[in-house]
Amino acid sequence: MQKAFLNFQLQRTRMFKKPDAAAYCGIPASKFEGICTVVPVQYPDGSKLWDVQDLDAWLDQLKSGQADSDDDILNRLGG
Protein backbone atom coordinates (compact mmCIF):
# COMPACT_ATOMS: atom_id res chain seq x y z
CA MET A 1 0.00 0.00 0.00
CA GLN A 2 1.36 3.38 -0.96
CA LYS A 3 1.36 6.27 1.46
CA ALA A 4 0.64 9.85 0.55
CA PHE A 5 1.65 12.85 2.58
CA LEU A 6 -0.07 16.17 2.41
CA ASN A 7 1.59 19.37 3.48
CA PHE A 8 -0.81 22.26 3.88
CA GLN A 9 -1.55 25.01 6.34
CA LEU A 10 -4.91 26.12 7.59
CA GLN A 11 -5.38 29.76 8.35
CA ARG A 12 -7.12 30.12 11.68
CA THR A 13 -10.11 32.42 11.59
CA ARG A 14 -9.74 35.23 14.10
CA MET A 15 -13.17 36.84 13.99
CA PHE A 16 -16.37 34.82 14.33
CA LYS A 17 -19.99 35.51 13.62
CA LYS A 18 -22.28 34.66 16.53
CA PRO A 19 -23.11 31.05 15.48
CA ASP A 20 -19.43 30.27 14.92
CA ALA A 21 -18.34 31.93 18.16
CA ALA A 22 -20.98 29.96 20.06
CA ALA A 23 -19.91 26.69 18.42
CA TYR A 24 -16.25 27.47 19.19
CA CYS A 25 -17.17 27.85 22.89
CA GLY A 26 -19.51 24.85 22.89
CA ILE A 27 -22.57 26.95 23.68
CA PRO A 28 -25.88 26.94 21.77
CA ALA A 29 -26.14 30.09 19.65
CA SER A 30 -29.50 30.88 21.26
CA LYS A 31 -27.84 31.11 24.70
CA PHE A 32 -24.43 32.46 23.67
CA GLU A 33 -24.87 36.17 24.41
CA GLY A 34 -26.55 35.42 27.72
CA ILE A 35 -23.65 33.26 28.89
CA CYS A 36 -20.56 34.70 27.23
CA THR A 37 -19.31 38.01 28.64
CA VAL A 38 -17.01 38.77 25.70
CA VAL A 39 -17.94 42.04 24.01
CA PRO A 40 -18.06 41.69 20.21
CA VAL A 41 -16.23 44.06 17.88
CA GLN A 42 -18.66 46.42 16.15
CA TYR A 43 -17.74 46.96 12.50
CA PRO A 44 -18.59 50.19 10.63
CA ASP A 45 -21.36 48.39 8.70
CA GLY A 46 -23.06 47.47 12.00
CA SER A 47 -22.05 43.81 12.03
CA LYS A 48 -20.72 42.27 15.25
CA LEU A 49 -17.90 39.75 15.33
CA TRP A 50 -16.26 37.99 18.26
CA ASP A 51 -12.46 37.86 18.47
CA VAL A 52 -11.15 34.33 19.06
CA GLN A 53 -8.41 35.71 21.31
CA ASP A 54 -11.04 37.31 23.58
CA LEU A 55 -13.05 34.07 23.57
CA ASP A 56 -9.93 32.10 24.51
CA ALA A 57 -9.19 34.48 27.40
CA TRP A 58 -12.78 34.18 28.64
CA LEU A 59 -12.67 30.38 28.46
CA ASP A 60 -9.35 30.36 30.32
CA GLN A 61 -10.95 32.50 33.06
CA LEU A 62 -13.82 30.06 33.34
CA LYS A 63 -11.42 27.13 33.64
CA SER A 64 -9.43 28.83 36.39
CA GLY A 65 -12.53 29.91 38.30
CA GLN A 66 -11.74 33.58 37.81
CA ALA A 67 -14.67 34.46 35.56
CA ASP A 68 -16.52 37.68 36.33
CA SER A 69 -19.66 37.43 38.39
CA ASP A 70 -22.89 39.09 37.26
CA ASP A 71 -22.28 41.85 39.82
CA ASP A 72 -18.78 42.51 38.45
CA ILE A 73 -20.17 42.87 34.95
CA LEU A 74 -22.95 45.22 36.09
CA ASN A 75 -20.48 47.34 38.05
CA ARG A 76 -18.30 47.75 34.96
CA LEU A 77 -21.37 48.79 32.97
CA GLY A 78 -22.23 51.39 35.60
CA GLY A 79 -25.32 49.58 36.86
PDB file of N, CA and C in Angstrom:
ATOM      1  N   MET A   1       0.832  -1.175   0.000  1.00  0.00           N
ATOM      2  CA  MET A   1       0.000   0.000   0.000  1.00  0.00           C
ATOM      3  C   MET A   1       0.880   1.243   0.000  1.00  0.00           C
ATOM      4  N   GLN A   2       0.594   2.148  -0.890  1.00  0.00           N
ATOM      5  CA  GLN A   2       1.357   3.384  -0.958  1.00  0.00           C
ATOM      6  C   GLN A   2       0.831   4.390   0.051  1.00  0.00           C
ATOM      7  N   LYS A   3       1.739   5.218   0.526  1.00  0.00           N
ATOM      8  CA  LYS A   3       1.363   6.272   1.461  1.00  0.00           C
ATOM      9  C   LYS A   3       1.493   7.614   0.759  1.00  0.00           C
ATOM     10  N   ALA A   4       0.578   8.492   1.091  1.00  0.00           N
ATOM     11  CA  ALA A   4       0.635   9.848   0.551  1.00  0.00           C
ATOM     12  C   ALA A   4       0.724  10.819   1.718  1.00  0.00           C
ATOM     13  N   PHE A   5       1.515  11.832   1.551  1.00  0.00           N
ATOM     14  CA  PHE A   5       1.654  12.847   2.577  1.00  0.00           C
ATOM     15  C   PHE A   5       1.185  14.182   2.016  1.00  0.00           C
ATOM     16  N   LEU A   6       0.403  14.850   2.795  1.00  0.00           N
ATOM     17  CA  LEU A   6      -0.069  16.173   2.411  1.00  0.00           C
ATOM     18  C   LEU A   6       0.592  17.207   3.303  1.00  0.00           C
ATOM     19  N   ASN A   7       0.989  18.290   2.714  1.00  0.00           N
ATOM     20  CA  ASN A   7       1.588  19.369   3.478  1.00  0.00           C
ATOM     21  C   ASN A   7       0.810  20.639   3.165  1.00  0.00           C
ATOM     22  N   PHE A   8      -0.047  21.035   4.091  1.00  0.00           N
ATOM     23  CA  PHE A   8      -0.806  22.256   3.876  1.00  0.00           C
ATOM     24  C   PHE A   8      -1.017  22.952   5.205  1.00  0.00           C
ATOM     25  N   GLN A   9      -1.315  24.223   5.129  1.00  0.00           N
ATOM     26  CA  GLN A   9      -1.550  25.007   6.337  1.00  0.00           C
ATOM     27  C   GLN A   9      -2.971  25.541   6.303  1.00  0.00           C
ATOM     28  N   LEU A  10      -3.596  25.522   7.459  1.00  0.00           N
ATOM     29  CA  LEU A  10      -4.914  26.120   7.586  1.00  0.00           C
ATOM     30  C   LEU A  10      -4.760  27.467   8.266  1.00  0.00           C
ATOM     31  N   GLN A  11      -5.404  28.452   7.711  1.00  0.00           N
ATOM     32  CA  GLN A  11      -5.379  29.755   8.353  1.00  0.00           C
ATOM     33  C   GLN A  11      -6.500  29.817   9.373  1.00  0.00           C
ATOM     34  N   ARG A  12      -6.146  30.058  10.598  1.00  0.00           N
ATOM     35  CA  ARG A  12      -7.121  30.119  11.679  1.00  0.00           C
ATOM     36  C   ARG A  12      -7.934  31.406  11.556  1.00  0.00           C
ATOM     37  N   THR A  13      -9.232  31.263  11.634  1.00  0.00           N
ATOM     38  CA  THR A  13     -10.112  32.418  11.590  1.00  0.00           C
ATOM     39  C   THR A  13     -10.019  33.149  12.913  1.00  0.00           C
ATOM     40  N   ARG A  14      -9.846  34.465  12.865  1.00  0.00           N
ATOM     41  CA  ARG A  14      -9.737  35.230  14.104  1.00  0.00           C
ATOM     42  C   ARG A  14     -11.077  35.780  14.562  1.00  0.00           C
ATOM     43  N   MET A  15     -11.903  36.208  13.636  1.00  0.00           N
ATOM     44  CA  MET A  15     -13.169  36.841  13.986  1.00  0.00           C
ATOM     45  C   MET A  15     -14.318  35.921  13.591  1.00  0.00           C
ATOM     46  N   PHE A  16     -15.247  35.730  14.535  1.00  0.00           N
ATOM     47  CA  PHE A  16     -16.366  34.820  14.331  1.00  0.00           C
ATOM     48  C   PHE A  16     -17.695  35.551  14.353  1.00  0.00           C
ATOM     49  N   LYS A  17     -18.595  35.113  13.496  1.00  0.00           N
ATOM     50  CA  LYS A  17     -19.993  35.508  13.623  1.00  0.00           C
ATOM     51  C   LYS A  17     -20.566  34.757  14.816  1.00  0.00           C
ATOM     52  N   LYS A  18     -21.709  35.218  15.315  1.00  0.00           N
ATOM     53  CA  LYS A  18     -22.283  34.657  16.529  1.00  0.00           C
ATOM     54  C   LYS A  18     -22.414  33.131  16.503  1.00  0.00           C
ATOM     55  N   PRO A  19     -22.982  32.524  15.456  1.00  0.00           N
ATOM     56  CA  PRO A  19     -23.111  31.054  15.478  1.00  0.00           C
ATOM     57  C   PRO A  19     -21.764  30.335  15.575  1.00  0.00           C
ATOM     58  N   ASP A  20     -20.759  30.882  14.888  1.00  0.00           N
ATOM     59  CA  ASP A  20     -19.433  30.266  14.915  1.00  0.00           C
ATOM     60  C   ASP A  20     -18.746  30.477  16.267  1.00  0.00           C
ATOM     61  N   ALA A  21     -18.916  31.659  16.844  1.00  0.00           N
ATOM     62  CA  ALA A  21     -18.344  31.930  18.162  1.00  0.00           C
ATOM     63  C   ALA A  21     -18.974  31.008  19.209  1.00  0.00           C
ATOM     64  N   ALA A  22     -20.278  30.846  19.125  1.00  0.00           N
ATOM     65  CA  ALA A  22     -20.980  29.965  20.057  1.00  0.00           C
ATOM     66  C   ALA A  22     -20.493  28.523  19.907  1.00  0.00           C
ATOM     67  N   ALA A  23     -20.380  28.062  18.669  1.00  0.00           N
ATOM     68  CA  ALA A  23     -19.905  26.694  18.424  1.00  0.00           C
ATOM     69  C   ALA A  23     -18.478  26.520  18.927  1.00  0.00           C
ATOM     70  N   TYR A  24     -17.642  27.516  18.730  1.00  0.00           N
ATOM     71  CA  TYR A  24     -16.250  27.471  19.193  1.00  0.00           C
ATOM     72  C   TYR A  24     -16.192  27.279  20.709  1.00  0.00           C
ATOM     73  N   CYS A  25     -17.121  27.931  21.421  1.00  0.00           N
ATOM     74  CA  CYS A  25     -17.171  27.851  22.888  1.00  0.00           C
ATOM     75  C   CYS A  25     -18.000  26.678  23.391  1.00  0.00           C
ATOM     76  N   GLY A  26     -18.685  25.980  22.487  1.00  0.00           N
ATOM     77  CA  GLY A  26     -19.508  24.847  22.892  1.00  0.00           C
ATOM     78  C   GLY A  26     -20.821  25.252  23.528  1.00  0.00           C
ATOM     79  N   ILE A  27     -21.334  26.406  23.127  1.00  0.00           N
ATOM     80  CA  ILE A  27     -22.572  26.952  23.682  1.00  0.00           C
ATOM     81  C   ILE A  27     -23.599  27.051  22.552  1.00  0.00           C
ATOM     82  N   PRO A  28     -24.864  26.729  22.801  1.00  0.00           N
ATOM     83  CA  PRO A  28     -25.877  26.937  21.768  1.00  0.00           C
ATOM     84  C   PRO A  28     -25.954  28.418  21.390  1.00  0.00           C
ATOM     85  N   ALA A  29     -26.098  28.698  20.118  1.00  0.00           N
ATOM     86  CA  ALA A  29     -26.144  30.090  19.650  1.00  0.00           C
ATOM     87  C   ALA A  29     -27.266  30.875  20.317  1.00  0.00           C
ATOM     88  N   SER A  30     -28.363  30.204  20.631  1.00  0.00           N
ATOM     89  CA  SER A  30     -29.499  30.885  21.260  1.00  0.00           C
ATOM     90  C   SER A  30     -29.194  31.351  22.678  1.00  0.00           C
ATOM     91  N   LYS A  31     -28.195  30.750  23.324  1.00  0.00           N
ATOM     92  CA  LYS A  31     -27.837  31.105  24.700  1.00  0.00           C
ATOM     93  C   LYS A  31     -26.507  31.846  24.791  1.00  0.00           C
ATOM     94  N   PHE A  32     -25.806  31.956  23.681  1.00  0.00           N
ATOM     95  CA  PHE A  32     -24.435  32.460  23.673  1.00  0.00           C
ATOM     96  C   PHE A  32     -24.287  33.832  24.329  1.00  0.00           C
ATOM     97  N   GLU A  33     -25.045  34.817  23.882  1.00  0.00           N
ATOM     98  CA  GLU A  33     -24.872  36.173  24.408  1.00  0.00           C
ATOM     99  C   GLU A  33     -25.315  36.300  25.863  1.00  0.00           C
ATOM    100  N   GLY A  34     -26.153  35.400  26.329  1.00  0.00           N
ATOM    101  CA  GLY A  34     -26.553  35.418  27.721  1.00  0.00           C
ATOM    102  C   GLY A  34     -25.533  34.793  28.652  1.00  0.00           C
ATOM    103  N   ILE A  35     -24.651  33.962  28.092  1.00  0.00           N
ATOM    104  CA  ILE A  35     -23.651  33.261  28.889  1.00  0.00           C
ATOM    105  C   ILE A  35     -22.270  33.899  28.748  1.00  0.00           C
ATOM    106  N   CYS A  36     -21.900  34.190  27.516  1.00  0.00           N
ATOM    107  CA  CYS A  36     -20.556  34.697  27.225  1.00  0.00           C
ATOM    108  C   CYS A  36     -20.483  36.196  27.513  1.00  0.00           C
ATOM    109  N   THR A  37     -19.473  36.600  28.281  1.00  0.00           N
ATOM    110  CA  THR A  37     -19.311  38.011  28.636  1.00  0.00           C
ATOM    111  C   THR A  37     -18.381  38.773  27.693  1.00  0.00           C
ATOM    112  N   VAL A  38     -17.899  38.113  26.656  1.00  0.00           N
ATOM    113  CA  VAL A  38     -17.014  38.768  25.698  1.00  0.00           C
ATOM    114  C   VAL A  38     -17.815  39.771  24.868  1.00  0.00           C
ATOM    115  N   VAL A  39     -17.290  40.985  24.790  1.00  0.00           N
ATOM    116  CA  VAL A  39     -17.943  42.037  24.013  1.00  0.00           C
ATOM    117  C   VAL A  39     -17.496  41.898  22.554  1.00  0.00           C
ATOM    118  N   PRO A  40     -18.443  41.819  21.620  1.00  0.00           N
ATOM    119  CA  PRO A  40     -18.059  41.693  20.209  1.00  0.00           C
ATOM    120  C   PRO A  40     -17.501  43.003  19.669  1.00  0.00           C
ATOM    121  N   VAL A  41     -16.753  42.893  18.585  1.00  0.00           N
ATOM    122  CA  VAL A  41     -16.228  44.057  17.883  1.00  0.00           C
ATOM    123  C   VAL A  41     -17.318  44.548  16.934  1.00  0.00           C
ATOM    124  N   GLN A  42     -17.626  45.823  17.015  1.00  0.00           N
ATOM    125  CA  GLN A  42     -18.660  46.416  16.145  1.00  0.00           C
ATOM    126  C   GLN A  42     -17.960  46.981  14.906  1.00  0.00           C
ATOM    127  N   TYR A  43     -18.312  46.486  13.745  1.00  0.00           N
ATOM    128  CA  TYR A  43     -17.744  46.959  12.497  1.00  0.00           C
ATOM    129  C   TYR A  43     -18.526  48.176  11.992  1.00  0.00           C
ATOM    130  N   PRO A  44     -17.912  48.993  11.130  1.00  0.00           N
ATOM    131  CA  PRO A  44     -18.590  50.190  10.626  1.00  0.00           C
ATOM    132  C   PRO A  44     -19.931  49.907   9.940  1.00  0.00           C
ATOM    133  N   ASP A  45     -20.101  48.712   9.382  1.00  0.00           N
ATOM    134  CA  ASP A  45     -21.360  48.392   8.704  1.00  0.00           C
ATOM    135  C   ASP A  45     -22.430  47.908   9.681  1.00  0.00           C
ATOM    136  N   GLY A  46     -22.096  47.882  10.983  1.00  0.00           N
ATOM    137  CA  GLY A  46     -23.057  47.467  11.996  1.00  0.00           C
ATOM    138  C   GLY A  46     -22.960  46.004  12.400  1.00  0.00           C
ATOM    139  N   SER A  47     -22.179  45.220  11.681  1.00  0.00           N
ATOM    140  CA  SER A  47     -22.053  43.806  12.031  1.00  0.00           C
ATOM    141  C   SER A  47     -21.205  43.659  13.294  1.00  0.00           C
ATOM    142  N   LYS A  48     -21.451  42.576  14.031  1.00  0.00           N
ATOM    143  CA  LYS A  48     -20.723  42.275  15.253  1.00  0.00           C
ATOM    144  C   LYS A  48     -19.992  40.949  15.068  1.00  0.00           C
ATOM    145  N   LEU A  49     -18.709  40.958  15.411  1.00  0.00           N
ATOM    146  CA  LEU A  49     -17.904  39.747  15.329  1.00  0.00           C
ATOM    147  C   LEU A  49     -17.130  39.580  16.625  1.00  0.00           C
ATOM    148  N   TRP A  50     -16.965  38.318  17.034  1.00  0.00           N
ATOM    149  CA  TRP A  50     -16.257  37.995  18.261  1.00  0.00           C
ATOM    150  C   TRP A  50     -14.834  37.582  17.928  1.00  0.00           C
ATOM    151  N   ASP A  51     -13.881  38.136  18.668  1.00  0.00           N
ATOM    152  CA  ASP A  51     -12.461  37.864  18.473  1.00  0.00           C
ATOM    153  C   ASP A  51     -12.105  36.560  19.196  1.00  0.00           C
ATOM    154  N   VAL A  52     -11.499  35.636  18.487  1.00  0.00           N
ATOM    155  CA  VAL A  52     -11.153  34.330  19.062  1.00  0.00           C
ATOM    156  C   VAL A  52     -10.196  34.483  20.242  1.00  0.00           C
ATOM    157  N   GLN A  53      -9.337  35.495  20.200  1.00  0.00           N
ATOM    158  CA  GLN A  53      -8.406  35.711  21.313  1.00  0.00           C
ATOM    159  C   GLN A  53      -9.168  36.110  22.580  1.00  0.00           C
ATOM    160  N   ASP A  54     -10.206  36.931  22.430  1.00  0.00           N
ATOM    161  CA  ASP A  54     -11.037  37.305  23.579  1.00  0.00           C
ATOM    162  C   ASP A  54     -11.820  36.097  24.096  1.00  0.00           C
ATOM    163  N   LEU A  55     -12.320  35.283  23.169  1.00  0.00           N
ATOM    164  CA  LEU A  55     -13.047  34.073  23.571  1.00  0.00           C
ATOM    165  C   LEU A  55     -12.128  33.115  24.321  1.00  0.00           C
ATOM    166  N   ASP A  56     -10.899  32.963  23.836  1.00  0.00           N
ATOM    167  CA  ASP A  56      -9.930  32.096  24.515  1.00  0.00           C
ATOM    168  C   ASP A  56      -9.646  32.598  25.929  1.00  0.00           C
ATOM    169  N   ALA A  57      -9.462  33.909  26.073  1.00  0.00           N
ATOM    170  CA  ALA A  57      -9.188  34.480  27.397  1.00  0.00           C
ATOM    171  C   ALA A  57     -10.366  34.240  28.335  1.00  0.00           C
ATOM    172  N   TRP A  58     -11.588  34.412  27.832  1.00  0.00           N
ATOM    173  CA  TRP A  58     -12.784  34.180  28.641  1.00  0.00           C
ATOM    174  C   TRP A  58     -12.872  32.710  29.075  1.00  0.00           C
ATOM    175  N   LEU A  59     -12.632  31.804  28.135  1.00  0.00           N
ATOM    176  CA  LEU A  59     -12.672  30.383  28.461  1.00  0.00           C
ATOM    177  C   LEU A  59     -11.601  30.017  29.485  1.00  0.00           C
ATOM    178  N   ASP A  60     -10.420  30.614  29.348  1.00  0.00           N
ATOM    179  CA  ASP A  60      -9.349  30.359  30.323  1.00  0.00           C
ATOM    180  C   ASP A  60      -9.751  30.852  31.712  1.00  0.00           C
ATOM    181  N   GLN A  61     -10.453  31.998  31.782  1.00  0.00           N
ATOM    182  CA  GLN A  61     -10.947  32.500  33.063  1.00  0.00           C
ATOM    183  C   GLN A  61     -11.954  31.533  33.673  1.00  0.00           C
ATOM    184  N   LEU A  62     -12.831  31.016  32.838  1.00  0.00           N
ATOM    185  CA  LEU A  62     -13.818  30.057  33.337  1.00  0.00           C
ATOM    186  C   LEU A  62     -13.131  28.822  33.909  1.00  0.00           C
ATOM    187  N   LYS A  63     -12.134  28.331  33.199  1.00  0.00           N
ATOM    188  CA  LYS A  63     -11.422  27.135  33.640  1.00  0.00           C
ATOM    189  C   LYS A  63     -10.710  27.356  34.965  1.00  0.00           C
ATOM    190  N   SER A  64     -10.195  28.561  35.164  1.00  0.00           N
ATOM    191  CA  SER A  64      -9.432  28.830  36.386  1.00  0.00           C
ATOM    192  C   SER A  64     -10.316  29.299  37.532  1.00  0.00           C
ATOM    193  N   GLY A  65     -11.612  29.456  37.260  1.00  0.00           N
ATOM    194  CA  GLY A  65     -12.531  29.909  38.303  1.00  0.00           C
ATOM    195  C   GLY A  65     -12.472  31.395  38.554  1.00  0.00           C
ATOM    196  N   GLN A  66     -11.885  32.145  37.637  1.00  0.00           N
ATOM    197  CA  GLN A  66     -11.741  33.585  37.812  1.00  0.00           C
ATOM    198  C   GLN A  66     -12.699  34.385  36.944  1.00  0.00           C
ATOM    199  N   ALA A  67     -13.718  33.760  36.417  1.00  0.00           N
ATOM    200  CA  ALA A  67     -14.671  34.464  35.555  1.00  0.00           C
ATOM    201  C   ALA A  67     -15.416  35.512  36.361  1.00  0.00           C
ATOM    202  N   ASP A  68     -15.786  36.593  35.684  1.00  0.00           N
ATOM    203  CA  ASP A  68     -16.522  37.677  36.325  1.00  0.00           C
ATOM    204  C   ASP A  68     -17.895  37.215  36.774  1.00  0.00           C
ATOM    205  N   SER A  69     -18.306  37.700  37.925  1.00  0.00           N
ATOM    206  CA  SER A  69     -19.665  37.432  38.389  1.00  0.00           C
ATOM    207  C   SER A  69     -20.618  38.422  37.712  1.00  0.00           C
ATOM    208  N   ASP A  70     -21.906  38.175  37.820  1.00  0.00           N
ATOM    209  CA  ASP A  70     -22.893  39.092  37.262  1.00  0.00           C
ATOM    210  C   ASP A  70     -22.738  40.481  37.863  1.00  0.00           C
ATOM    211  N   ASP A  71     -22.457  40.562  39.162  1.00  0.00           N
ATOM    212  CA  ASP A  71     -22.284  41.854  39.823  1.00  0.00           C
ATOM    213  C   ASP A  71     -21.065  42.597  39.279  1.00  0.00           C
ATOM    214  N   ASP A  72     -19.970  41.878  39.013  1.00  0.00           N
ATOM    215  CA  ASP A  72     -18.779  42.506  38.445  1.00  0.00           C
ATOM    216  C   ASP A  72     -19.085  43.119  37.084  1.00  0.00           C
ATOM    217  N   ILE A  73     -19.824  42.389  36.289  1.00  0.00           N
ATOM    218  CA  ILE A  73     -20.175  42.874  34.951  1.00  0.00           C
ATOM    219  C   ILE A  73     -21.053  44.117  35.055  1.00  0.00           C
ATOM    220  N   LEU A  74     -22.052  44.067  35.914  1.00  0.00           N
ATOM    221  CA  LEU A  74     -22.951  45.215  36.090  1.00  0.00           C
ATOM    222  C   LEU A  74     -22.201  46.433  36.624  1.00  0.00           C
ATOM    223  N   ASN A  75     -21.268  46.232  37.526  1.00  0.00           N
ATOM    224  CA  ASN A  75     -20.479  47.341  38.045  1.00  0.00           C
ATOM    225  C   ASN A  75     -19.631  47.991  36.951  1.00  0.00           C
ATOM    226  N   ARG A  76     -19.062  47.189  36.060  1.00  0.00           N
ATOM    227  CA  ARG A  76     -18.296  47.752  34.956  1.00  0.00           C
ATOM    228  C   ARG A  76     -19.179  48.532  33.996  1.00  0.00           C
ATOM    229  N   LEU A  77     -20.436  48.119  33.863  1.00  0.00           N
ATOM    230  CA  LEU A  77     -21.373  48.792  32.975  1.00  0.00           C
ATOM    231  C   LEU A  77     -21.998  50.014  33.630  1.00  0.00           C
ATOM    232  N   GLY A  78     -21.692  50.227  34.900  1.00  0.00           N
ATOM    233  CA  GLY A  78     -22.226  51.387  35.595  1.00  0.00           C
ATOM    234  C   GLY A  78     -23.594  51.147  36.198  1.00  0.00           C
ATOM    235  N   GLY A  79     -23.993  49.892  36.332  1.00  0.00           N
ATOM    236  CA  GLY A  79     -25.317  49.579  36.858  1.00  0.00           C
ATOM    237  C   GLY A  79     -25.234  48.923  38.111  1.00  0.00           C
TER     238      GLY A  79
END
